[in-house]
Amino acid sequence: MTRSNKAIFDLAHLRPTSSQSTQLNDDVQAILDFVATLSQVNTTHVSPLFHPLDLHPTWRDDTVTEHSVVNELAMLTDSFEEDLYWVGATKTSEASS
């Protein structure tokens, strides 16, 4: 499937100036040329890679680091009951009635 660059710009909600359009056209063409080059490579015996380098992220332990403020919030209003904040009647639009 091919799309014009104008169609691509419309899909991306881009409104480039004429000079930006020229640069974007060149950039899109460079990407398409690169993909065409990659698609010529024989990858029959190549396993997919998650990342080109064998990196392992260093995640912090999944522990709670902040304290609960529910009790402090409850002290601020009478509309707090059973760990819930009770909201009064709200306006509804005429369209929903």
PDB file of N, CA and C in Angstrom:
ATOM      1  N   MET A   1       0.848  -1.172   0.000  1.00  0.00           N
ATOM      2  CA  MET A   1       0.000   0.000   0.000  1.00  0.00           C
ATOM      3  C   MET A   1       0.898   1.240   0.000  1.00  0.00           C
ATOM      4  N   THR A   2       0.571   2.156  -0.838  1.00  0.00           N
ATOM      5  CA  THR A   2       1.323   3.407  -0.865  1.00  0.00           C
ATOM      6  C   THR A   2       0.380   4.559  -0.561  1.00  0.00           C
ATOM      7  N   ARG A   3       0.928   5.535   0.086  1.00  0.00           N
ATOM      8  CA  ARG A   3       0.167   6.744   0.412  1.00  0.00           C
ATOM      9  C   ARG A   3       1.011   7.944   0.015  1.00  0.00           C
ATOM     10  N   SER A   4       0.350   8.981  -0.399  1.00  0.00           N
ATOM     11  CA  SER A   4       1.073  10.206  -0.705  1.00  0.00           C
ATOM     12  C   SER A   4       1.529  10.832   0.609  1.00  0.00           C
ATOM     13  N   ASN A   5       2.555  11.636   0.522  1.00  0.00           N
ATOM     14  CA  ASN A   5       3.025  12.309   1.732  1.00  0.00           C
ATOM     15  C   ASN A   5       1.952  13.222   2.296  1.00  0.00           C
ATOM     16  N   LYS A   6       1.132  13.814   1.435  1.00  0.00           N
ATOM     17  CA  LYS A   6       0.034  14.650   1.922  1.00  0.00           C
ATOM     18  C   LYS A   6      -0.920  13.808   2.762  1.00  0.00           C
ATOM     19  N   ALA A   7      -1.210  12.591   2.311  1.00  0.00           N
ATOM     20  CA  ALA A   7      -2.092  11.703   3.082  1.00  0.00           C
ATOM     21  C   ALA A   7      -1.452  11.348   4.422  1.00  0.00           C
ATOM     22  N   ILE A   8      -0.145  11.124   4.422  1.00  0.00           N
ATOM     23  CA  ILE A   8       0.570  10.823   5.670  1.00  0.00           C
ATOM     24  C   ILE A   8       0.507  12.027   6.606  1.00  0.00           C
ATOM     25  N   PHE A   9       0.719  13.218   6.067  1.00  0.00           N
ATOM     26  CA  PHE A   9       0.650  14.432   6.890  1.00  0.00           C
ATOM     27  C   PHE A   9      -0.746  14.599   7.477  1.00  0.00           C
ATOM     28  N   ASP A  10      -1.771  14.320   6.666  1.00  0.00           N
ATOM     29  CA  ASP A  10      -3.149  14.425   7.157  1.00  0.00           C
ATOM     30  C   ASP A  10      -3.407  13.418   8.274  1.00  0.00           C
ATOM     31  N   LEU A  11      -2.942  12.180   8.098  1.00  0.00           N
ATOM     32  CA  LEU A  11      -3.126  11.163   9.132  1.00  0.00           C
ATOM     33  C   LEU A  11      -2.426  11.548  10.431  1.00  0.00           C
ATOM     34  N   ALA A  12      -1.273  12.203  10.299  1.00  0.00           N
ATOM     35  CA  ALA A  12      -0.505  12.613  11.480  1.00  0.00           C
ATOM     36  C   ALA A  12      -0.939  13.986  11.992  1.00  0.00           C
ATOM     37  N   HIS A  13      -1.960  14.567  11.375  1.00  0.00           N
ATOM     38  CA  HIS A  13      -2.453  15.902  11.748  1.00  0.00           C
ATOM     39  C   HIS A  13      -1.335  16.936  11.683  1.00  0.00           C
ATOM     40  N   LEU A  14      -0.516  16.841  10.633  1.00  0.00           N
ATOM     41  CA  LEU A  14       0.567  17.799  10.419  1.00  0.00           C
ATOM     42  C   LEU A  14       0.148  18.803   9.358  1.00  0.00           C
ATOM     43  N   ARG A  15       0.504  20.035   9.562  1.00  0.00           N
ATOM     44  CA  ARG A  15       0.257  21.094   8.584  1.00  0.00           C
ATOM     45  C   ARG A  15       1.586  21.817   8.343  1.00  0.00           C
ATOM     46  N   PRO A  16       2.486  21.150   7.611  1.00  0.00           N
ATOM     47  CA  PRO A  16       3.812  21.747   7.437  1.00  0.00           C
ATOM     48  C   PRO A  16       3.801  22.916   6.454  1.00  0.00           C
ATOM     49  N   THR A  17       4.746  23.835   6.683  1.00  0.00           N
ATOM     50  CA  THR A  17       4.974  24.899   5.708  1.00  0.00           C
ATOM     51  C   THR A  17       5.640  24.261   4.496  1.00  0.00           C
ATOM     52  N   SER A  18       5.817  25.008   3.425  1.00  0.00           N
ATOM     53  CA  SER A  18       6.412  24.420   2.219  1.00  0.00           C
ATOM     54  C   SER A  18       7.840  23.940   2.472  1.00  0.00           C
ATOM     55  N   SER A  19       8.619  24.690   3.257  1.00  0.00           N
ATOM     56  CA  SER A  19       9.988  24.246   3.543  1.00  0.00           C
ATOM     57  C   SER A  19       9.984  23.019   4.460  1.00  0.00           C
ATOM     58  N   GLN A  20       9.066  23.009   5.429  1.00  0.00           N
ATOM     59  CA  GLN A  20       8.955  21.833   6.293  1.00  0.00           C
ATOM     60  C   GLN A  20       8.468  20.629   5.495  1.00  0.00           C
ATOM     61  N   SER A  21       7.574  20.873   4.553  1.00  0.00           N
ATOM     62  CA  SER A  21       7.044  19.797   3.726  1.00  0.00           C
ATOM     63  C   SER A  21       8.157  19.139   2.920  1.00  0.00           C
ATOM     64  N   THR A  22       9.048  19.960   2.375  1.00  0.00           N
ATOM     65  CA  THR A  22      10.183  19.424   1.623  1.00  0.00           C
ATOM     66  C   THR A  22      11.057  18.558   2.521  1.00  0.00           C
ATOM     67  N   GLN A  23      11.352  19.040   3.730  1.00  0.00           N
ATOM     68  CA  GLN A  23      12.174  18.280   4.665  1.00  0.00           C
ATOM     69  C   GLN A  23      11.469  16.994   5.084  1.00  0.00           C
ATOM     70  N   LEU A  24      10.165  17.082   5.367  1.00  0.00           N
ATOM     71  CA  LEU A  24       9.410  15.893   5.755  1.00  0.00           C
ATOM     72  C   LEU A  24       9.351  14.880   4.616  1.00  0.00           C
ATOM     73  N   ASN A  25       9.194  15.362   3.386  1.00  0.00           N
ATOM     74  CA  ASN A  25       9.211  14.459   2.232  1.00  0.00           C
ATOM     75  C   ASN A  25      10.533  13.709   2.166  1.00  0.00           C
ATOM     76  N   ASP A  26      11.638  14.437   2.352  1.00  0.00           N
ATOM     77  CA  ASP A  26      12.960  13.810   2.334  1.00  0.00           C
ATOM     78  C   ASP A  26      13.096  12.796   3.467  1.00  0.00           C
ATOM     79  N   ASP A  27      12.616  13.158   4.662  1.00  0.00           N
ATOM     80  CA  ASP A  27      12.706  12.259   5.815  1.00  0.00           C
ATOM     81  C   ASP A  27      11.882  10.991   5.604  1.00  0.00           C
ATOM     82  N   VAL A  28      10.660  11.158   5.111  1.00  0.00           N
ATOM     83  CA  VAL A  28       9.802   9.994   4.854  1.00  0.00           C
ATOM     84  C   VAL A  28      10.442   9.100   3.803  1.00  0.00           C
ATOM     85  N   GLN A  29      10.987   9.697   2.758  1.00  0.00           N
ATOM     86  CA  GLN A  29      11.629   8.902   1.714  1.00  0.00           C
ATOM     87  C   GLN A  29      12.847   8.160   2.261  1.00  0.00           C
ATOM     88  N   ALA A  30      13.619   8.796   3.128  1.00  0.00           N
ATOM     89  CA  ALA A  30      14.779   8.133   3.733  1.00  0.00           C
ATOM     90  C   ALA A  30      14.337   6.936   4.572  1.00  0.00           C
ATOM     91  N   ILE A  31      13.246   7.088   5.313  1.00  0.00           N
ATOM     92  CA  ILE A  31      12.722   5.978   6.117  1.00  0.00           C
ATOM     93  C   ILE A  31      12.269   4.841   5.207  1.00  0.00           C
ATOM     94  N   LEU A  32      11.542   5.176   4.150  1.00  0.00           N
ATOM     95  CA  LEU A  32      11.068   4.147   3.221  1.00  0.00           C
ATOM     96  C   LEU A  32      12.227   3.444   2.527  1.00  0.00           C
ATOM     97  N   ASP A  33      13.270   4.190   2.167  1.00  0.00           N
ATOM     98  CA  ASP A  33      14.456   3.579   1.560  1.00  0.00           C
ATOM     99  C   ASP A  33      15.135   2.633   2.537  1.00  0.00           C
ATOM    100  N   PHE A  34      15.217   3.033   3.804  1.00  0.00           N
ATOM    101  CA  PHE A  34      15.831   2.189   4.826  1.00  0.00           C
ATOM    102  C   PHE A  34      15.037   0.900   5.014  1.00  0.00           C
ATOM    103  N   VAL A  35      13.711   1.016   5.062  1.00  0.00           N
ATOM    104  CA  VAL A  35      12.855  -0.168   5.205  1.00  0.00           C
ATOM    105  C   VAL A  35      13.016  -1.076   3.992  1.00  0.00           C
ATOM    106  N   ALA A  36      13.111  -0.500   2.806  1.00  0.00           N
ATOM    107  CA  ALA A  36      13.310  -1.302   1.598  1.00  0.00           C
ATOM    108  C   ALA A  36      14.637  -2.052   1.663  1.00  0.00           C
ATOM    109  N   THR A  37      15.673  -1.390   2.159  1.00  0.00           N
ATOM    110  CA  THR A  37      16.970  -2.047   2.317  1.00  0.00           C
ATOM    111  C   THR A  37      16.877  -3.186   3.325  1.00  0.00           C
ATOM    112  N   LEU A  38      16.221  -2.937   4.453  1.00  0.00           N
ATOM    113  CA  LEU A  38      16.071  -3.979   5.470  1.00  0.00           C
ATOM    114  C   LEU A  38      15.282  -5.171   4.954  1.00  0.00           C
ATOM    115  N   SER A  39      14.284  -4.922   4.136  1.00  0.00           N
ATOM    116  CA  SER A  39      13.447  -6.022   3.659  1.00  0.00           C
ATOM    117  C   SER A  39      14.187  -6.918   2.671  1.00  0.00           C
ATOM    118  N   GLN A  40      15.346  -6.499   2.186  1.00  0.00           N
ATOM    119  CA  GLN A  40      16.154  -7.323   1.293  1.00  0.00           C
ATOM    120  C   GLN A  40      17.063  -8.281   2.058  1.00  0.00           C
ATOM    121  N   VAL A  41      17.205  -8.086   3.369  1.00  0.00           N
ATOM    122  CA  VAL A  41      18.099  -8.917   4.174  1.00  0.00           C
ATOM    123  C   VAL A  41      17.433 -10.258   4.449  1.00  0.00           C
ATOM    124  N   ASN A  42      18.186 -11.341   4.265  1.00  0.00           N
ATOM    125  CA  ASN A  42      17.679 -12.681   4.542  1.00  0.00           C
ATOM    126  C   ASN A  42      17.733 -12.928   6.047  1.00  0.00           C
ATOM    127  N   THR A  43      16.575 -13.047   6.662  1.00  0.00           N
ATOM    128  CA  THR A  43      16.501 -13.254   8.114  1.00  0.00           C
ATOM    129  C   THR A  43      15.936 -14.630   8.452  1.00  0.00           C
ATOM    130  N   THR A  44      16.065 -15.574   7.528  1.00  0.00           N
ATOM    131  CA  THR A  44      15.485 -16.903   7.711  1.00  0.00           C
ATOM    132  C   THR A  44      15.954 -17.564   8.996  1.00  0.00           C
ATOM    133  N   HIS A  45      17.233 -17.499   9.289  1.00  0.00           N
ATOM    134  CA  HIS A  45      17.784 -18.193  10.460  1.00  0.00           C
ATOM    135  C   HIS A  45      18.121 -17.235  11.598  1.00  0.00           C
ATOM    136  N   VAL A  46      17.473 -16.094  11.626  1.00  0.00           N
ATOM    137  CA  VAL A  46      17.735 -15.104  12.665  1.00  0.00           C
ATOM    138  C   VAL A  46      16.546 -15.051  13.612  1.00  0.00           C
ATOM    139  N   SER A  47      16.836 -15.235  14.893  1.00  0.00           N
ATOM    140  CA  SER A  47      15.770 -15.143  15.893  1.00  0.00           C
ATOM    141  C   SER A  47      15.451 -13.677  16.152  1.00  0.00           C
ATOM    142  N   PRO A  48      14.179 -13.383  16.404  1.00  0.00           N
ATOM    143  CA  PRO A  48      13.834 -11.994  16.718  1.00  0.00           C
ATOM    144  C   PRO A  48      14.524 -11.540  17.998  1.00  0.00           C
ATOM    145  N   LEU A  49      14.868 -10.285  18.039  1.00  0.00           N
ATOM    146  CA  LEU A  49      15.529  -9.722  19.209  1.00  0.00           C
ATOM    147  C   LEU A  49      14.569  -8.794  19.930  1.00  0.00           C
ATOM    148  N   PHE A  50      14.614  -8.826  21.248  1.00  0.00           N
ATOM    149  CA  PHE A  50      13.850  -7.863  22.025  1.00  0.00           C
ATOM    150  C   PHE A  50      14.594  -6.544  22.022  1.00  0.00           C
ATOM    151  N   HIS A  51      15.902  -6.622  22.148  1.00  0.00           N
ATOM    152  CA  HIS A  51      16.768  -5.443  22.160  1.00  0.00           C
ATOM    153  C   HIS A  51      18.101  -5.863  21.561  1.00  0.00           C
ATOM    154  N   PRO A  52      18.742  -5.029  20.781  1.00  0.00           N
ATOM    155  CA  PRO A  52      20.000  -5.434  20.156  1.00  0.00           C
ATOM    156  C   PRO A  52      21.125  -5.701  21.153  1.00  0.00           C
ATOM    157  N   LEU A  53      21.012  -5.182  22.352  1.00  0.00           N
ATOM    158  CA  LEU A  53      22.016  -5.424  23.384  1.00  0.00           C
ATOM    159  C   LEU A  53      21.399  -6.242  24.504  1.00  0.00           C
ATOM    160  N   ASP A  54      22.201  -7.061  25.135  1.00  0.00           N
ATOM    161  CA  ASP A  54      21.703  -7.889  26.227  1.00  0.00           C
ATOM    162  C   ASP A  54      21.662  -7.054  27.504  1.00  0.00           C
ATOM    163  N   LEU A  55      20.654  -6.206  27.603  1.00  0.00           N
ATOM    164  CA  LEU A  55      20.519  -5.320  28.751  1.00  0.00           C
ATOM    165  C   LEU A  55      19.434  -5.829  29.679  1.00  0.00           C
ATOM    166  N   HIS A  56      19.632  -5.614  30.943  1.00  0.00           N
ATOM    167  CA  HIS A  56      18.622  -5.971  31.925  1.00  0.00           C
ATOM    168  C   HIS A  56      18.311  -4.723  32.741  1.00  0.00           C
ATOM    169  N   PRO A  57      17.052  -4.316  32.760  1.00  0.00           N
ATOM    170  CA  PRO A  57      16.715  -3.110  33.516  1.00  0.00           C
ATOM    171  C   PRO A  57      16.896  -3.319  35.009  1.00  0.00           C
ATOM    172  N   THR A  58      17.304  -2.276  35.656  1.00  0.00           N
ATOM    173  CA  THR A  58      17.445  -2.344  37.111  1.00  0.00           C
ATOM    174  C   THR A  58      16.237  -1.672  37.725  1.00  0.00           C
ATOM    175  N   TRP A  59      15.238  -2.470  38.025  1.00  0.00           N
ATOM    176  CA  TRP A  59      14.011  -1.967  38.614  1.00  0.00           C
ATOM    177  C   TRP A  59      14.155  -1.902  40.118  1.00  0.00           C
ATOM    178  N   ARG A  60      13.495  -0.954  40.715  1.00  0.00           N
ATOM    179  CA  ARG A  60      13.469  -0.906  42.171  1.00  0.00           C
ATOM    180  C   ARG A  60      12.494  -1.965  42.659  1.00  0.00           C
ATOM    181  N   ASP A  61      12.620  -2.356  43.910  1.00  0.00           N
ATOM    182  CA  ASP A  61      11.677  -3.289  44.498  1.00  0.00           C
ATOM    183  C   ASP A  61      10.286  -2.678  44.473  1.00  0.00           C
ATOM    184  N   ASP A  62       9.293  -3.505  44.249  1.00  0.00           N
ATOM    185  CA  ASP A  62       7.913  -3.038  44.182  1.00  0.00           C
ATOM    186  C   ASP A  62       7.352  -2.959  45.594  1.00  0.00           C
ATOM    187  N   THR A  63       7.679  -1.872  46.260  1.00  0.00           N
ATOM    188  CA  THR A  63       7.216  -1.679  47.634  1.00  0.00           C
ATOM    189  C   THR A  63       6.539  -0.320  47.751  1.00  0.00           C
ATOM    190  N   VAL A  64       5.610  -0.230  48.675  1.00  0.00           N
ATOM    191  CA  VAL A  64       4.923   1.036  48.921  1.00  0.00           C
ATOM    192  C   VAL A  64       5.910   1.992  49.579  1.00  0.00           C
ATOM    193  N   THR A  65       6.041   3.184  49.002  1.00  0.00           N
ATOM    194  CA  THR A  65       6.998   4.149  49.551  1.00  0.00           C
ATOM    195  C   THR A  65       6.320   5.376  50.138  1.00  0.00           C
ATOM    196  N   GLU A  66       5.009   5.472  49.987  1.00  0.00           N
ATOM    197  CA  GLU A  66       4.303   6.609  50.562  1.00  0.00           C
ATOM    198  C   GLU A  66       3.274   6.105  51.565  1.00  0.00           C
ATOM    199  N   HIS A  67       2.881   6.962  52.444  1.00  0.00           N
ATOM    200  CA  HIS A  67       1.913   6.554  53.459  1.00  0.00           C
ATOM    201  C   HIS A  67       0.506   6.972  53.033  1.00  0.00           C
ATOM    202  N   SER A  68      -0.478   6.303  53.555  1.00  0.00           N
ATOM    203  CA  SER A  68      -1.869   6.600  53.239  1.00  0.00           C
ATOM    204  C   SER A  68      -2.275   7.919  53.887  1.00  0.00           C
ATOM    205  N   VAL A  69      -2.984   8.737  53.139  1.00  0.00           N
ATOM    206  CA  VAL A  69      -3.455  10.020  53.656  1.00  0.00           C
ATOM    207  C   VAL A  69      -4.975  10.025  53.815  1.00  0.00           C
ATOM    208  N   VAL A  70      -5.584   8.847  53.783  1.00  0.00           N
ATOM    209  CA  VAL A  70      -7.036   8.753  53.875  1.00  0.00           C
ATOM    210  C   VAL A  70      -7.539   9.399  55.155  1.00  0.00           C
ATOM    211  N   ASN A  71      -6.900   9.128  56.284  1.00  0.00           N
ATOM    212  CA  ASN A  71      -7.362   9.691  57.559  1.00  0.00           C
ATOM    213  C   ASN A  71      -7.257  11.212  57.572  1.00  0.00           C
ATOM    214  N   GLU A  72      -6.167  11.757  57.010  1.00  0.00           N
ATOM    215  CA  GLU A  72      -6.023  13.209  56.957  1.00  0.00           C
ATOM    216  C   GLU A  72      -7.084  13.835  56.056  1.00  0.00           C
ATOM    217  N   LEU A  73      -7.397  13.180  54.942  1.00  0.00           N
ATOM    218  CA  LEU A  73      -8.441  13.691  54.057  1.00  0.00           C
ATOM    219  C   LEU A  73      -9.805  13.631  54.726  1.00  0.00           C
ATOM    220  N   ALA A  74     -10.053  12.581  55.486  1.00  0.00           N
ATOM    221  CA  ALA A  74     -11.339  12.428  56.167  1.00  0.00           C
ATOM    222  C   ALA A  74     -11.562  13.542  57.178  1.00  0.00           C
ATOM    223  N   MET A  75     -10.491  14.068  57.750  1.00  0.00           N
ATOM    224  CA  MET A  75     -10.609  15.137  58.745  1.00  0.00           C
ATOM    225  C   MET A  75     -11.009  16.472  58.103  1.00  0.00           C
ATOM    226  N   LEU A  76     -10.885  16.588  56.791  1.00  0.00           N
ATOM    227  CA  LEU A  76     -11.151  17.847  56.106  1.00  0.00           C
ATOM    228  C   LEU A  76     -12.622  18.069  55.785  1.00  0.00           C
ATOM    229  N   THR A  77     -13.442  17.027  55.860  1.00  0.00           N
ATOM    230  CA  THR A  77     -14.835  17.174  55.436  1.00  0.00           C
ATOM    231  C   THR A  77     -15.744  16.224  56.206  1.00  0.00           C
ATOM    232  N   ASP A  78     -17.008  16.569  56.261  1.00  0.00           N
ATOM    233  CA  ASP A  78     -17.996  15.672  56.858  1.00  0.00           C
ATOM    234  C   ASP A  78     -18.532  14.689  55.822  1.00  0.00           C
ATOM    235  N   SER A  79     -18.156  14.883  54.566  1.00  0.00           N
ATOM    236  CA  SER A  79     -18.678  14.042  53.484  1.00  0.00           C
ATOM    237  C   SER A  79     -17.811  12.819  53.228  1.00  0.00           C
ATOM    238  N   PHE A  80     -17.022  12.446  54.191  1.00  0.00           N
ATOM    239  CA  PHE A  80     -16.117  11.313  54.048  1.00  0.00           C
ATOM    240  C   PHE A  80     -16.595  10.214  54.979  1.00  0.00           C
ATOM    241  N   GLU A  81     -16.919   9.056  54.414  1.00  0.00           N
ATOM    242  CA  GLU A  81     -17.454   7.975  55.230  1.00  0.00           C
ATOM    243  C   GLU A  81     -16.987   6.642  54.654  1.00  0.00           C
ATOM    244  N   GLU A  82     -16.495   5.766  55.503  1.00  0.00           N
ATOM    245  CA  GLU A  82     -16.031   4.437  55.100  1.00  0.00           C
ATOM    246  C   GLU A  82     -15.009   4.532  53.958  1.00  0.00           C
ATOM    247  N   ASP A  83     -14.055   5.414  54.109  1.00  0.00           N
ATOM    248  CA  ASP A  83     -12.990   5.631  53.122  1.00  0.00           C
ATOM    249  C   ASP A  83     -13.499   6.105  51.762  1.00  0.00           C
ATOM    250  N   LEU A  84     -14.701   6.655  51.727  1.00  0.00           N
ATOM    251  CA  LEU A  84     -15.262   7.179  50.488  1.00  0.00           C
ATOM    252  C   LEU A  84     -15.649   8.638  50.681  1.00  0.00           C
ATOM    253  N   TYR A  85     -15.475   9.413  49.634  1.00  0.00           N
ATOM    254  CA  TYR A  85     -15.901  10.806  49.649  1.00  0.00           C
ATOM    255  C   TYR A  85     -17.240  10.868  48.942  1.00  0.00           C
ATOM    256  N   TRP A  86     -18.240  11.306  49.645  1.00  0.00           N
ATOM    257  CA  TRP A  86     -19.590  11.356  49.096  1.00  0.00           C
ATOM    258  C   TRP A  86     -19.800  12.667  48.353  1.00  0.00           C
ATOM    259  N   VAL A  87     -20.167  12.561  47.091  1.00  0.00           N
ATOM    260  CA  VAL A  87     -20.404  13.719  46.242  1.00  0.00           C
ATOM    261  C   VAL A  87     -21.898  13.965  46.194  1.00  0.00           C
ATOM    262  N   GLY A  88     -22.289  15.214  46.389  1.00  0.00           N
ATOM    263  CA  GLY A  88     -23.708  15.559  46.346  1.00  0.00           C
ATOM    264  C   GLY A  88     -24.263  15.490  44.941  1.00  0.00           C
ATOM    265  N   ALA A  89     -25.491  15.900  44.809  1.00  0.00           N
ATOM    266  CA  ALA A  89     -26.138  15.901  43.500  1.00  0.00           C
ATOM    267  C   ALA A  89     -25.339  16.759  42.532  1.00  0.00           C
ATOM    268  N   THR A  90     -25.267  16.316  41.307  1.00  0.00           N
ATOM    269  CA  THR A  90     -24.535  17.054  40.285  1.00  0.00           C
ATOM    270  C   THR A  90     -25.495  17.488  39.198  1.00  0.00           C
ATOM    271  N   LYS A  91     -25.120  18.534  38.502  1.00  0.00           N
ATOM    272  CA  LYS A  91     -25.930  19.006  37.381  1.00  0.00           C
ATOM    273  C   LYS A  91     -25.820  18.004  36.247  1.00  0.00           C
ATOM    274  N   THR A  92     -26.908  17.801  35.566  1.00  0.00           N
ATOM    275  CA  THR A  92     -26.875  16.973  34.369  1.00  0.00           C
ATOM    276  C   THR A  92     -27.323  17.827  33.201  1.00  0.00           C
ATOM    277  N   SER A  93     -26.863  17.478  32.031  1.00  0.00           N
ATOM    278  CA  SER A  93     -27.235  18.267  30.861  1.00  0.00           C
ATOM    279  C   SER A  93     -28.672  17.955  30.475  1.00  0.00           C
ATOM    280  N   GLU A  94     -29.290  18.879  29.779  1.00  0.00           N
ATOM    281  CA  GLU A  94     -30.671  18.683  29.350  1.00  0.00           C
ATOM    282  C   GLU A  94     -30.770  17.548  28.345  1.00  0.00           C
ATOM    283  N   ALA A  95     -29.666  17.285  27.622  1.00  0.00           N
ATOM    284  CA  ALA A  95     -29.685  16.233  26.611  1.00  0.00           C
ATOM    285  C   ALA A  95     -29.870  14.859  27.242  1.00  0.00           C
ATOM    286  N   SER A  96     -29.412  14.684  28.485  1.00  0.00           N
ATOM    287  CA  SER A  96     -29.518  13.371  29.115  1.00  0.00           C
ATOM    288  C   SER A  96     -30.861  13.153  29.784  1.00  0.00           C
ATOM    289  N   SER A  97     -31.691  14.186  29.897  1.00  0.00           N
ATOM    290  CA  SER A  97     -32.981  14.016  30.568  1.00  0.00           C
ATOM    291  C   SER A  97     -34.089  13.696  29.597  1.00  0.00           C
TER     292      SER A  97
END
